[in-house]
Amino acid sequence: YIPAVLVANHGPFVWGSDCFEAVHNSVVLEELSAMAWITKTLRLD
């Protein structure tokens, strides 16, 4: 249920049942990270 993690001072780790699922999970993580960054940029609180 948690196919990816961002490690502080490192970067992302992702996994899946095969390389295609791992890449998909990487893309999802990237998109969610961008959404979080935009949210915090627009509204710090």
PDB file of all heavy atoms in Angstrom:
ATOM      1  N   TYR A   1       0.808  -1.219   0.000  1.00  0.00           N
ATOM      2  CA  TYR A   1       0.000   0.000   0.000  1.00  0.00           C
ATOM      3  C   TYR A   1       0.840   1.268   0.000  1.00  0.00           C
ATOM      4  O   TYR A   1       0.320   2.357  -0.188  1.00  0.00           O
ATOM      5  CB  TYR A   1      -0.950   0.006   1.190  1.00  0.00           C
ATOM      6  CG  TYR A   1      -1.893  -1.170   1.202  1.00  0.00           C
ATOM      7  CD1 TYR A   1      -1.893  -2.072   2.240  1.00  0.00           C
ATOM      8  CD2 TYR A   1      -2.776  -1.372   0.151  1.00  0.00           C
ATOM      9  CE1 TYR A   1      -2.758  -3.154   2.244  1.00  0.00           C
ATOM     10  CE2 TYR A   1      -3.645  -2.448   0.141  1.00  0.00           C
ATOM     11  CZ  TYR A   1      -3.627  -3.336   1.194  1.00  0.00           C
ATOM     12  OH  TYR A   1      -4.471  -4.400   1.185  1.00  0.00           O
ATOM     13  N   ILE A   2       2.120   1.131   0.267  1.00  0.00           N
ATOM     14  CA  ILE A   2       3.026   2.273   0.282  1.00  0.00           C
ATOM     15  C   ILE A   2       4.177   1.915  -0.652  1.00  0.00           C
ATOM     16  O   ILE A   2       5.210   1.421  -0.212  1.00  0.00           O
ATOM     17  CB  ILE A   2       3.539   2.567   1.706  1.00  0.00           C
ATOM     18  CG1 ILE A   2       2.388   2.782   2.663  1.00  0.00           C
ATOM     19  CG2 ILE A   2       4.458   3.785   1.692  1.00  0.00           C
ATOM     20  CD1 ILE A   2       2.810   2.909   4.120  1.00  0.00           C
ATOM     21  N   PRO A   3       4.008   2.152  -1.976  1.00  0.00           N
ATOM     22  CA  PRO A   3       5.017   1.702  -2.940  1.00  0.00           C
ATOM     23  C   PRO A   3       6.140   2.710  -3.209  1.00  0.00           C
ATOM     24  O   PRO A   3       6.879   2.541  -4.176  1.00  0.00           O
ATOM     25  CB  PRO A   3       4.191   1.483  -4.200  1.00  0.00           C
ATOM     26  CG  PRO A   3       3.122   2.523  -4.112  1.00  0.00           C
ATOM     27  CD  PRO A   3       2.800   2.630  -2.631  1.00  0.00           C
ATOM     28  N   ALA A   4       6.260   3.711  -2.359  1.00  0.00           N
ATOM     29  CA  ALA A   4       7.314   4.703  -2.578  1.00  0.00           C
ATOM     30  C   ALA A   4       7.566   5.463  -1.283  1.00  0.00           C
ATOM     31  O   ALA A   4       6.689   5.563  -0.435  1.00  0.00           O
ATOM     32  CB  ALA A   4       6.904   5.675  -3.674  1.00  0.00           C
ATOM     33  N   VAL A   5       8.773   6.001  -1.177  1.00  0.00           N
ATOM     34  CA  VAL A   5       9.113   6.806  -0.007  1.00  0.00           C
ATOM     35  C   VAL A   5      10.189   7.815  -0.404  1.00  0.00           C
ATOM     36  O   VAL A   5      11.044   7.514  -1.230  1.00  0.00           O
ATOM     37  CB  VAL A   5       9.592   5.913   1.172  1.00  0.00           C
ATOM     38  CG1 VAL A   5      10.865   5.174   0.831  1.00  0.00           C
ATOM     39  CG2 VAL A   5       9.774   6.715   2.444  1.00  0.00           C
ATOM     40  N   LEU A   6      10.080   9.005   0.142  1.00  0.00           N
ATOM     41  CA  LEU A   6      11.134  10.009  -0.006  1.00  0.00           C
ATOM     42  C   LEU A   6      11.970   9.978   1.261  1.00  0.00           C
ATOM     43  O   LEU A   6      11.438  10.102   2.359  1.00  0.00           O
ATOM     44  CB  LEU A   6      10.538  11.406  -0.180  1.00  0.00           C
ATOM     45  CG  LEU A   6       9.805  11.691  -1.470  1.00  0.00           C
ATOM     46  CD1 LEU A   6       9.147  13.057  -1.408  1.00  0.00           C
ATOM     47  CD2 LEU A   6      10.752  11.615  -2.653  1.00  0.00           C
ATOM     48  N   VAL A   7      13.262   9.813   1.123  1.00  0.00           N
ATOM     49  CA  VAL A   7      14.154   9.762   2.276  1.00  0.00           C
ATOM     50  C   VAL A   7      14.848  11.108   2.394  1.00  0.00           C
ATOM     51  O   VAL A   7      15.431  11.601   1.431  1.00  0.00           O
ATOM     52  CB  VAL A   7      15.185   8.622   2.119  1.00  0.00           C
ATOM     53  CG1 VAL A   7      16.175   8.631   3.267  1.00  0.00           C
ATOM     54  CG2 VAL A   7      14.466   7.275   2.042  1.00  0.00           C
ATOM     55  N   ALA A   8      14.766  11.700   3.579  1.00  0.00           N
ATOM     56  CA  ALA A   8      15.381  13.008   3.809  1.00  0.00           C
ATOM     57  C   ALA A   8      16.858  12.969   3.447  1.00  0.00           C
ATOM     58  O   ALA A   8      17.566  12.003   3.744  1.00  0.00           O
ATOM     59  CB  ALA A   8      15.208  13.410   5.272  1.00  0.00           C
ATOM     60  N   ASN A   9      17.315  14.020   2.800  1.00  0.00           N
ATOM     61  CA  ASN A   9      18.711  14.164   2.381  1.00  0.00           C
ATOM     62  C   ASN A   9      19.168  13.071   1.417  1.00  0.00           C
ATOM     63  O   ASN A   9      20.350  12.791   1.311  1.00  0.00           O
ATOM     64  CB  ASN A   9      19.646  14.209   3.594  1.00  0.00           C
ATOM     65  CG  ASN A   9      19.290  15.340   4.514  1.00  0.00           C
ATOM     66  OD1 ASN A   9      19.095  16.473   4.088  1.00  0.00           O
ATOM     67  ND2 ASN A   9      19.165  15.045   5.790  1.00  0.00           N
ATOM     68  N   HIS A  10      18.220  12.452   0.772  1.00  0.00           N
ATOM     69  CA  HIS A  10      18.582  11.420  -0.193  1.00  0.00           C
ATOM     70  C   HIS A  10      17.765  11.586  -1.456  1.00  0.00           C
ATOM     71  O   HIS A  10      18.146  12.279  -2.364  1.00  0.00           O
ATOM     72  CB  HIS A  10      18.383  10.023   0.400  1.00  0.00           C
ATOM     73  CG  HIS A  10      18.968   8.950  -0.459  1.00  0.00           C
ATOM     74  ND1 HIS A  10      18.341   8.496  -1.606  1.00  0.00           N
ATOM     75  CD2 HIS A  10      20.113   8.252  -0.352  1.00  0.00           C
ATOM     76  CE1 HIS A  10      19.100   7.559  -2.172  1.00  0.00           C
ATOM     77  NE2 HIS A  10      20.180   7.387  -1.432  1.00  0.00           N
ATOM     78  N   GLY A  11      16.611  10.978  -1.509  1.00  0.00           N
ATOM     79  CA  GLY A  11      15.767  11.025  -2.688  1.00  0.00           C
ATOM     80  C   GLY A  11      14.724   9.926  -2.625  1.00  0.00           C
ATOM     81  O   GLY A  11      14.523   9.303  -1.590  1.00  0.00           O
ATOM     82  N   PRO A  12      14.077   9.654  -3.750  1.00  0.00           N
ATOM     83  CA  PRO A  12      12.982   8.687  -3.746  1.00  0.00           C
ATOM     84  C   PRO A  12      13.454   7.241  -3.873  1.00  0.00           C
ATOM     85  O   PRO A  12      14.481   6.955  -4.493  1.00  0.00           O
ATOM     86  CB  PRO A  12      12.173   9.084  -4.986  1.00  0.00           C
ATOM     87  CG  PRO A  12      13.178   9.655  -5.915  1.00  0.00           C
ATOM     88  CD  PRO A  12      14.182  10.352  -5.038  1.00  0.00           C
ATOM     89  N   PHE A  13      12.682   6.369  -3.264  1.00  0.00           N
ATOM     90  CA  PHE A  13      12.796   4.932  -3.469  1.00  0.00           C
ATOM     91  C   PHE A  13      11.407   4.467  -3.868  1.00  0.00           C
ATOM     92  O   PHE A  13      10.410   4.840  -3.215  1.00  0.00           O
ATOM     93  CB  PHE A  13      13.218   4.208  -2.182  1.00  0.00           C
ATOM     94  CG  PHE A  13      14.647   4.422  -1.805  1.00  0.00           C
ATOM     95  CD1 PHE A  13      15.017   5.531  -1.060  1.00  0.00           C
ATOM     96  CD2 PHE A  13      15.624   3.519  -2.193  1.00  0.00           C
ATOM     97  CE1 PHE A  13      16.337   5.735  -0.697  1.00  0.00           C
ATOM     98  CE2 PHE A  13      16.953   3.724  -1.840  1.00  0.00           C
ATOM     99  CZ  PHE A  13      17.312   4.829  -1.093  1.00  0.00           C
ATOM    100  N   VAL A  14      11.296   3.700  -4.911  1.00  0.00           N
ATOM    101  CA  VAL A  14      10.006   3.169  -5.359  1.00  0.00           C
ATOM    102  C   VAL A  14      10.172   1.692  -5.691  1.00  0.00           C
ATOM    103  O   VAL A  14      11.269   1.219  -5.963  1.00  0.00           O
ATOM    104  CB  VAL A  14       9.449   3.922  -6.590  1.00  0.00           C
ATOM    105  CG1 VAL A  14       9.168   5.367  -6.268  1.00  0.00           C
ATOM    106  CG2 VAL A  14      10.384   3.803  -7.770  1.00  0.00           C
ATOM    107  N   TRP A  15       9.056   0.964  -5.675  1.00  0.00           N
ATOM    108  CA  TRP A  15       9.083  -0.451  -6.011  1.00  0.00           C
ATOM    109  C   TRP A  15       7.736  -0.848  -6.585  1.00  0.00           C
ATOM    110  O   TRP A  15       6.779  -0.094  -6.539  1.00  0.00           O
ATOM    111  CB  TRP A  15       9.442  -1.302  -4.789  1.00  0.00           C
ATOM    112  CG  TRP A  15       8.669  -0.964  -3.573  1.00  0.00           C
ATOM    113  CD1 TRP A  15       7.479  -1.487  -3.165  1.00  0.00           C
ATOM    114  CD2 TRP A  15       9.008   0.024  -2.584  1.00  0.00           C
ATOM    115  NE1 TRP A  15       7.062  -0.909  -1.998  1.00  0.00           N
ATOM    116  CE2 TRP A  15       7.986   0.023  -1.617  1.00  0.00           C
ATOM    117  CE3 TRP A  15      10.091   0.890  -2.430  1.00  0.00           C
ATOM    118  CZ2 TRP A  15       8.011   0.865  -0.513  1.00  0.00           C
ATOM    119  CZ3 TRP A  15      10.096   1.726  -1.335  1.00  0.00           C
ATOM    120  CH2 TRP A  15       9.086   1.703  -0.383  1.00  0.00           C
ATOM    121  N   GLY A  16       7.681  -2.030  -7.118  1.00  0.00           N
ATOM    122  CA  GLY A  16       6.461  -2.577  -7.693  1.00  0.00           C
ATOM    123  C   GLY A  16       6.672  -4.039  -8.008  1.00  0.00           C
ATOM    124  O   GLY A  16       7.754  -4.586  -7.796  1.00  0.00           O
ATOM    125  N   SER A  17       5.631  -4.672  -8.535  1.00  0.00           N
ATOM    126  CA  SER A  17       5.719  -6.104  -8.843  1.00  0.00           C
ATOM    127  C   SER A  17       6.631  -6.359 -10.041  1.00  0.00           C
ATOM    128  O   SER A  17       7.118  -7.468 -10.229  1.00  0.00           O
ATOM    129  CB  SER A  17       4.328  -6.683  -9.096  1.00  0.00           C
ATOM    130  OG  SER A  17       3.712  -6.000 -10.185  1.00  0.00           O
ATOM    131  N   ASP A  18       6.856  -5.331 -10.849  1.00  0.00           N
ATOM    132  CA  ASP A  18       7.799  -5.412 -11.968  1.00  0.00           C
ATOM    133  C   ASP A  18       8.318  -4.006 -12.252  1.00  0.00           C
ATOM    134  O   ASP A  18       7.912  -3.041 -11.595  1.00  0.00           O
ATOM    135  CB  ASP A  18       7.150  -6.039 -13.212  1.00  0.00           C
ATOM    136  CG  ASP A  18       5.898  -5.304 -13.679  1.00  0.00           C
ATOM    137  OD1 ASP A  18       5.805  -4.066 -13.497  1.00  0.00           O
ATOM    138  OD2 ASP A  18       5.015  -5.957 -14.248  1.00  0.00           O
ATOM    139  N   CYS A  19       9.209  -3.894 -13.231  1.00  0.00           N
ATOM    140  CA  CYS A  19       9.822  -2.582 -13.502  1.00  0.00           C
ATOM    141  C   CYS A  19       8.793  -1.566 -13.992  1.00  0.00           C
ATOM    142  O   CYS A  19       8.912  -0.374 -13.712  1.00  0.00           O
ATOM    143  CB  CYS A  19      10.967  -2.715 -14.491  1.00  0.00           C
ATOM    144  SG  CYS A  19      10.499  -3.337 -16.111  1.00  0.00           S
ATOM    145  N   PHE A  20       7.774  -2.004 -14.691  1.00  0.00           N
ATOM    146  CA  PHE A  20       6.763  -1.085 -15.207  1.00  0.00           C
ATOM    147  C   PHE A  20       5.932  -0.482 -14.070  1.00  0.00           C
ATOM    148  O   PHE A  20       5.642   0.714 -14.068  1.00  0.00           O
ATOM    149  CB  PHE A  20       5.860  -1.792 -16.228  1.00  0.00           C
ATOM    150  CG  PHE A  20       6.631  -2.328 -17.392  1.00  0.00           C
ATOM    151  CD1 PHE A  20       6.899  -3.681 -17.499  1.00  0.00           C
ATOM    152  CD2 PHE A  20       7.125  -1.470 -18.369  1.00  0.00           C
ATOM    153  CE1 PHE A  20       7.630  -4.179 -18.563  1.00  0.00           C
ATOM    154  CE2 PHE A  20       7.860  -1.949 -19.441  1.00  0.00           C
ATOM    155  CZ  PHE A  20       8.113  -3.320 -19.540  1.00  0.00           C
ATOM    156  N   GLU A  21       5.570  -1.308 -13.109  1.00  0.00           N
ATOM    157  CA  GLU A  21       4.824  -0.797 -11.955  1.00  0.00           C
ATOM    158  C   GLU A  21       5.699   0.128 -11.115  1.00  0.00           C
ATOM    159  O   GLU A  21       5.222   1.150 -10.608  1.00  0.00           O
ATOM    160  CB  GLU A  21       4.295  -1.953 -11.094  1.00  0.00           C
ATOM    161  CG  GLU A  21       3.394  -1.471  -9.981  1.00  0.00           C
ATOM    162  CD  GLU A  21       2.801  -2.599  -9.170  1.00  0.00           C
ATOM    163  OE1 GLU A  21       3.512  -3.577  -8.855  1.00  0.00           O
ATOM    164  OE2 GLU A  21       1.614  -2.483  -8.836  1.00  0.00           O
ATOM    165  N   ALA A  22       6.967  -0.179 -10.983  1.00  0.00           N
ATOM    166  CA  ALA A  22       7.873   0.690 -10.225  1.00  0.00           C
ATOM    167  C   ALA A  22       7.997   2.058 -10.900  1.00  0.00           C
ATOM    168  O   ALA A  22       7.973   3.092 -10.223  1.00  0.00           O
ATOM    169  CB  ALA A  22       9.242   0.027 -10.087  1.00  0.00           C
ATOM    170  N   VAL A  23       8.097   2.073 -12.229  1.00  0.00           N
ATOM    171  CA  VAL A  23       8.166   3.355 -12.945  1.00  0.00           C
ATOM    172  C   VAL A  23       6.854   4.109 -12.778  1.00  0.00           C
ATOM    173  O   VAL A  23       6.859   5.333 -12.545  1.00  0.00           O
ATOM    174  CB  VAL A  23       8.506   3.142 -14.444  1.00  0.00           C
ATOM    175  CG1 VAL A  23       8.300   4.423 -15.230  1.00  0.00           C
ATOM    176  CG2 VAL A  23       9.928   2.638 -14.588  1.00  0.00           C
ATOM    177  N   HIS A  24       5.729   3.414 -12.876  1.00  0.00           N
ATOM    178  CA  HIS A  24       4.425   4.058 -12.658  1.00  0.00           C
ATOM    179  C   HIS A  24       4.384   4.695 -11.265  1.00  0.00           C
ATOM    180  O   HIS A  24       3.965   5.850 -11.111  1.00  0.00           O
ATOM    181  CB  HIS A  24       3.298   3.038 -12.810  1.00  0.00           C
ATOM    182  CG  HIS A  24       1.973   3.553 -12.366  1.00  0.00           C
ATOM    183  ND1 HIS A  24       1.190   4.377 -13.153  1.00  0.00           N
ATOM    184  CD2 HIS A  24       1.286   3.391 -11.209  1.00  0.00           C
ATOM    185  CE1 HIS A  24       0.088   4.692 -12.492  1.00  0.00           C
ATOM    186  NE2 HIS A  24       0.128   4.105 -11.312  1.00  0.00           N
ATOM    187  N   ASN A  25       4.816   3.952 -10.252  1.00  0.00           N
ATOM    188  CA  ASN A  25       4.813   4.477  -8.888  1.00  0.00           C
ATOM    189  C   ASN A  25       5.741   5.681  -8.759  1.00  0.00           C
ATOM    190  O   ASN A  25       5.454   6.616  -8.002  1.00  0.00           O
ATOM    191  CB  ASN A  25       5.193   3.385  -7.893  1.00  0.00           C
ATOM    192  CG  ASN A  25       4.128   2.322  -7.792  1.00  0.00           C
ATOM    193  OD1 ASN A  25       2.955   2.564  -8.093  1.00  0.00           O
ATOM    194  ND2 ASN A  25       4.513   1.126  -7.401  1.00  0.00           N
ATOM    195  N   SER A  26       6.837   5.688  -9.505  1.00  0.00           N
ATOM    196  CA  SER A  26       7.741   6.826  -9.498  1.00  0.00           C
ATOM    197  C   SER A  26       7.060   8.065 -10.086  1.00  0.00           C
ATOM    198  O   SER A  26       7.191   9.170  -9.546  1.00  0.00           O
ATOM    199  CB  SER A  26       8.996   6.487 -10.302  1.00  0.00           C
ATOM    200  OG  SER A  26       9.873   7.571 -10.321  1.00  0.00           O
ATOM    201  N   VAL A  27       6.324   7.881 -11.168  1.00  0.00           N
ATOM    202  CA  VAL A  27       5.609   8.998 -11.792  1.00  0.00           C
ATOM    203  C   VAL A  27       4.534   9.537 -10.840  1.00  0.00           C
ATOM    204  O   VAL A  27       4.380  10.753 -10.688  1.00  0.00           O
ATOM    205  CB  VAL A  27       4.995   8.571 -13.145  1.00  0.00           C
ATOM    206  CG1 VAL A  27       4.070   9.635 -13.703  1.00  0.00           C
ATOM    207  CG2 VAL A  27       6.094   8.228 -14.141  1.00  0.00           C
ATOM    208  N   VAL A  28       3.818   8.640 -10.182  1.00  0.00           N
ATOM    209  CA  VAL A  28       2.790   9.054  -9.216  1.00  0.00           C
ATOM    210  C   VAL A  28       3.435   9.832  -8.073  1.00  0.00           C
ATOM    211  O   VAL A  28       2.937  10.893  -7.671  1.00  0.00           O
ATOM    212  CB  VAL A  28       1.998   7.840  -8.687  1.00  0.00           C
ATOM    213  CG1 VAL A  28       1.105   8.233  -7.522  1.00  0.00           C
ATOM    214  CG2 VAL A  28       1.178   7.209  -9.807  1.00  0.00           C
ATOM    215  N   LEU A  29       4.554   9.340  -7.553  1.00  0.00           N
ATOM    216  CA  LEU A  29       5.255  10.037  -6.473  1.00  0.00           C
ATOM    217  C   LEU A  29       5.686  11.432  -6.909  1.00  0.00           C
ATOM    218  O   LEU A  29       5.532  12.405  -6.167  1.00  0.00           O
ATOM    219  CB  LEU A  29       6.470   9.223  -6.023  1.00  0.00           C
ATOM    220  CG  LEU A  29       7.334   9.862  -4.940  1.00  0.00           C
ATOM    221  CD1 LEU A  29       6.553  10.047  -3.650  1.00  0.00           C
ATOM    222  CD2 LEU A  29       8.578   9.032  -4.710  1.00  0.00           C
ATOM    223  N   GLU A  30       6.202  11.535  -8.122  1.00  0.00           N
ATOM    224  CA  GLU A  30       6.630  12.831  -8.646  1.00  0.00           C
ATOM    225  C   GLU A  30       5.453  13.804  -8.738  1.00  0.00           C
ATOM    226  O   GLU A  30       5.554  14.973  -8.362  1.00  0.00           O
ATOM    227  CB  GLU A  30       7.279  12.651 -10.020  1.00  0.00           C
ATOM    228  CG  GLU A  30       7.898  13.898 -10.574  1.00  0.00           C
ATOM    229  CD  GLU A  30       9.168  14.314  -9.871  1.00  0.00           C
ATOM    230  OE1 GLU A  30       9.845  13.471  -9.266  1.00  0.00           O
ATOM    231  OE2 GLU A  30       9.489  15.525  -9.932  1.00  0.00           O
ATOM    232  N   GLU A  31       4.330  13.324  -9.232  1.00  0.00           N
ATOM    233  CA  GLU A  31       3.136  14.174  -9.364  1.00  0.00           C
ATOM    234  C   GLU A  31       2.616  14.613  -7.993  1.00  0.00           C
ATOM    235  O   GLU A  31       2.275  15.781  -7.794  1.00  0.00           O
ATOM    236  CB  GLU A  31       2.049  13.430 -10.143  1.00  0.00           C
ATOM    237  CG  GLU A  31       0.857  14.282 -10.477  1.00  0.00           C
ATOM    238  CD  GLU A  31       1.159  15.427 -11.426  1.00  0.00           C
ATOM    239  OE1 GLU A  31       2.115  15.348 -12.218  1.00  0.00           O
ATOM    240  OE2 GLU A  31       0.412  16.428 -11.380  1.00  0.00           O
ATOM    241  N   LEU A  32       2.548  13.682  -7.067  1.00  0.00           N
ATOM    242  CA  LEU A  32       2.089  14.035  -5.714  1.00  0.00           C
ATOM    243  C   LEU A  32       3.044  15.023  -5.046  1.00  0.00           C
ATOM    244  O   LEU A  32       2.602  15.942  -4.346  1.00  0.00           O
ATOM    245  CB  LEU A  32       1.949  12.773  -4.857  1.00  0.00           C
ATOM    246  CG  LEU A  32       0.813  11.845  -5.249  1.00  0.00           C
ATOM    247  CD1 LEU A  32       0.890  10.542  -4.467  1.00  0.00           C
ATOM    248  CD2 LEU A  32      -0.536  12.510  -5.053  1.00  0.00           C
ATOM    249  N   SER A  33       4.336  14.829  -5.261  1.00  0.00           N
ATOM    250  CA  SER A  33       5.323  15.759  -4.700  1.00  0.00           C
ATOM    251  C   SER A  33       5.142  17.158  -5.278  1.00  0.00           C
ATOM    252  O   SER A  33       5.228  18.149  -4.554  1.00  0.00           O
ATOM    253  CB  SER A  33       6.744  15.260  -4.985  1.00  0.00           C
ATOM    254  OG  SER A  33       6.956  14.018  -4.368  1.00  0.00           O
ATOM    255  N   ALA A  34       4.894  17.226  -6.578  1.00  0.00           N
ATOM    256  CA  ALA A  34       4.667  18.529  -7.212  1.00  0.00           C
ATOM    257  C   ALA A  34       3.416  19.188  -6.652  1.00  0.00           C
ATOM    258  O   ALA A  34       3.413  20.394  -6.368  1.00  0.00           O
ATOM    259  CB  ALA A  34       4.548  18.370  -8.729  1.00  0.00           C
ATOM    260  N   MET A  35       2.355  18.407  -6.474  1.00  0.00           N
ATOM    261  CA  MET A  35       1.115  18.959  -5.909  1.00  0.00           C
ATOM    262  C   MET A  35       1.350  19.479  -4.493  1.00  0.00           C
ATOM    263  O   MET A  35       0.863  20.554  -4.136  1.00  0.00           O
ATOM    264  CB  MET A  35       0.013  17.889  -5.911  1.00  0.00           C
ATOM    265  CG  MET A  35      -0.485  17.552  -7.298  1.00  0.00           C
ATOM    266  SD  MET A  35      -1.522  16.069  -7.372  1.00  0.00           S
ATOM    267  CE  MET A  35      -2.741  16.377  -6.146  1.00  0.00           C
ATOM    268  N   ALA A  36       2.101  18.725  -3.693  1.00  0.00           N
ATOM    269  CA  ALA A  36       2.388  19.155  -2.320  1.00  0.00           C
ATOM    270  C   ALA A  36       3.218  20.433  -2.317  1.00  0.00           C
ATOM    271  O   ALA A  36       2.953  21.354  -1.538  1.00  0.00           O
ATOM    272  CB  ALA A  36       3.116  18.037  -1.570  1.00  0.00           C
ATOM    273  N   TRP A  37       4.223  20.505  -3.190  1.00  0.00           N
ATOM    274  CA  TRP A  37       5.065  21.696  -3.267  1.00  0.00           C
ATOM    275  C   TRP A  37       4.244  22.915  -3.685  1.00  0.00           C
ATOM    276  O   TRP A  37       4.367  23.990  -3.092  1.00  0.00           O
ATOM    277  CB  TRP A  37       6.215  21.457  -4.250  1.00  0.00           C
ATOM    278  CG  TRP A  37       7.142  22.630  -4.325  1.00  0.00           C
ATOM    279  CD1 TRP A  37       8.143  22.951  -3.459  1.00  0.00           C
ATOM    280  CD2 TRP A  37       7.118  23.656  -5.315  1.00  0.00           C
ATOM    281  NE1 TRP A  37       8.753  24.110  -3.850  1.00  0.00           N
ATOM    282  CE2 TRP A  37       8.145  24.574  -4.994  1.00  0.00           C
ATOM    283  CE3 TRP A  37       6.338  23.901  -6.437  1.00  0.00           C
ATOM    284  CZ2 TRP A  37       8.405  25.689  -5.749  1.00  0.00           C
ATOM    285  CZ3 TRP A  37       6.607  25.025  -7.197  1.00  0.00           C
ATOM    286  CH2 TRP A  37       7.629  25.905  -6.852  1.00  0.00           C
ATOM    287  N   ILE A  38       3.393  22.751  -4.678  1.00  0.00           N
ATOM    288  CA  ILE A  38       2.547  23.867  -5.129  1.00  0.00           C
ATOM    289  C   ILE A  38       1.610  24.303  -4.013  1.00  0.00           C
ATOM    290  O   ILE A  38       1.436  25.500  -3.765  1.00  0.00           O
ATOM    291  CB  ILE A  38       1.766  23.484  -6.402  1.00  0.00           C
ATOM    292  CG1 ILE A  38       2.732  23.351  -7.581  1.00  0.00           C
ATOM    293  CG2 ILE A  38       0.672  24.493  -6.702  1.00  0.00           C
ATOM    294  CD1 ILE A  38       2.124  22.685  -8.804  1.00  0.00           C
ATOM    295  N   THR A  39       1.018  23.345  -3.330  1.00  0.00           N
ATOM    296  CA  THR A  39       0.110  23.671  -2.222  1.00  0.00           C
ATOM    297  C   THR A  39       0.834  24.485  -1.156  1.00  0.00           C
ATOM    298  O   THR A  39       0.338  25.527  -0.712  1.00  0.00           O
ATOM    299  CB  THR A  39      -0.465  22.384  -1.600  1.00  0.00           C
ATOM    300  OG1 THR A  39      -1.225  21.694  -2.596  1.00  0.00           O
ATOM    301  CG2 THR A  39      -1.363  22.695  -0.414  1.00  0.00           C
ATOM    302  N   LYS A  40       2.006  24.033  -0.747  1.00  0.00           N
ATOM    303  CA  LYS A  40       2.764  24.747   0.292  1.00  0.00           C
ATOM    304  C   LYS A  40       3.266  26.098  -0.205  1.00  0.00           C
ATOM    305  O   LYS A  40       3.397  27.034   0.571  1.00  0.00           O
ATOM    306  CB  LYS A  40       3.940  23.889   0.779  1.00  0.00           C
ATOM    307  CG  LYS A  40       3.527  22.762   1.679  1.00  0.00           C
ATOM    308  CD  LYS A  40       3.005  23.305   2.984  1.00  0.00           C
ATOM    309  CE  LYS A  40       2.920  22.239   4.035  1.00  0.00           C
ATOM    310  NZ  LYS A  40       2.474  22.773   5.317  1.00  0.00           N
ATOM    311  N   THR A  41       3.575  26.195  -1.483  1.00  0.00           N
ATOM    312  CA  THR A  41       4.039  27.458  -2.050  1.00  0.00           C
ATOM    313  C   THR A  41       2.919  28.495  -2.056  1.00  0.00           C
ATOM    314  O   THR A  41       3.135  29.663  -1.735  1.00  0.00           O
ATOM    315  CB  THR A  41       4.563  27.244  -3.487  1.00  0.00           C
ATOM    316  OG1 THR A  41       5.630  26.307  -3.437  1.00  0.00           O
ATOM    317  CG2 THR A  41       5.062  28.538  -4.084  1.00  0.00           C
ATOM    318  N   LEU A  42       1.721  28.051  -2.419  1.00  0.00           N
ATOM    319  CA  LEU A  42       0.591  28.967  -2.479  1.00  0.00           C
ATOM    320  C   LEU A  42       0.068  29.337  -1.096  1.00  0.00           C
ATOM    321  O   LEU A  42      -0.423  30.442  -0.895  1.00  0.00           O
ATOM    322  CB  LEU A  42      -0.544  28.350  -3.302  1.00  0.00           C
ATOM    323  CG  LEU A  42      -0.264  28.173  -4.791  1.00  0.00           C
ATOM    324  CD1 LEU A  42      -1.407  27.416  -5.450  1.00  0.00           C
ATOM    325  CD2 LEU A  42      -0.038  29.509  -5.466  1.00  0.00           C
ATOM    326  N   ARG A  43       0.195  28.404  -0.163  1.00  0.00           N
ATOM    327  CA  ARG A  43      -0.355  28.649   1.164  1.00  0.00           C
ATOM    328  C   ARG A  43       0.510  27.951   2.214  1.00  0.00           C
ATOM    329  O   ARG A  43       0.355  26.759   2.464  1.00  0.00           O
ATOM    330  CB  ARG A  43      -1.798  28.137   1.222  1.00  0.00           C
ATOM    331  CG  ARG A  43      -2.463  28.507   2.501  1.00  0.00           C
ATOM    332  CD  ARG A  43      -3.951  28.334   2.440  1.00  0.00           C
ATOM    333  NE  ARG A  43      -4.475  28.596   3.759  1.00  0.00           N
ATOM    334  CZ  ARG A  43      -5.664  28.264   4.149  1.00  0.00           C
ATOM    335  NH1 ARG A  43      -6.490  27.685   3.304  1.00  0.00           N
ATOM    336  NH2 ARG A  43      -6.067  28.522   5.368  1.00  0.00           N
ATOM    337  N   LEU A  44       1.385  28.705   2.819  1.00  0.00           N
ATOM    338  CA  LEU A  44       2.329  28.144   3.781  1.00  0.00           C
ATOM    339  C   LEU A  44       1.667  27.544   5.010  1.00  0.00           C
ATOM    340  O   LEU A  44       2.216  26.651   5.637  1.00  0.00           O
ATOM    341  CB  LEU A  44       3.328  29.220   4.218  1.00  0.00           C
ATOM    342  CG  LEU A  44       4.281  29.726   3.135  1.00  0.00           C
ATOM    343  CD1 LEU A  44       5.108  30.870   3.667  1.00  0.00           C
ATOM    344  CD2 LEU A  44       5.160  28.601   2.626  1.00  0.00           C
ATOM    345  N   ASP A  45       0.487  28.040   5.359  1.00  0.00           N
ATOM    346  CA  ASP A  45      -0.165  27.563   6.578  1.00  0.00           C
ATOM    347  C   ASP A  45      -1.093  26.372   6.326  1.00  0.00           C
ATOM    348  O   ASP A  45      -1.912  26.033   7.180  1.00  0.00           O
ATOM    349  CB  ASP A  45      -0.942  28.705   7.248  1.00  0.00           C
ATOM    350  CG  ASP A  45      -2.066  29.246   6.377  1.00  0.00           C
ATOM    351  OD1 ASP A  45      -2.050  29.003   5.153  1.00  0.00           O
ATOM    352  OD2 ASP A  45      -2.969  29.904   6.918  1.00  0.00           O
TER     353      ASP A  45
END
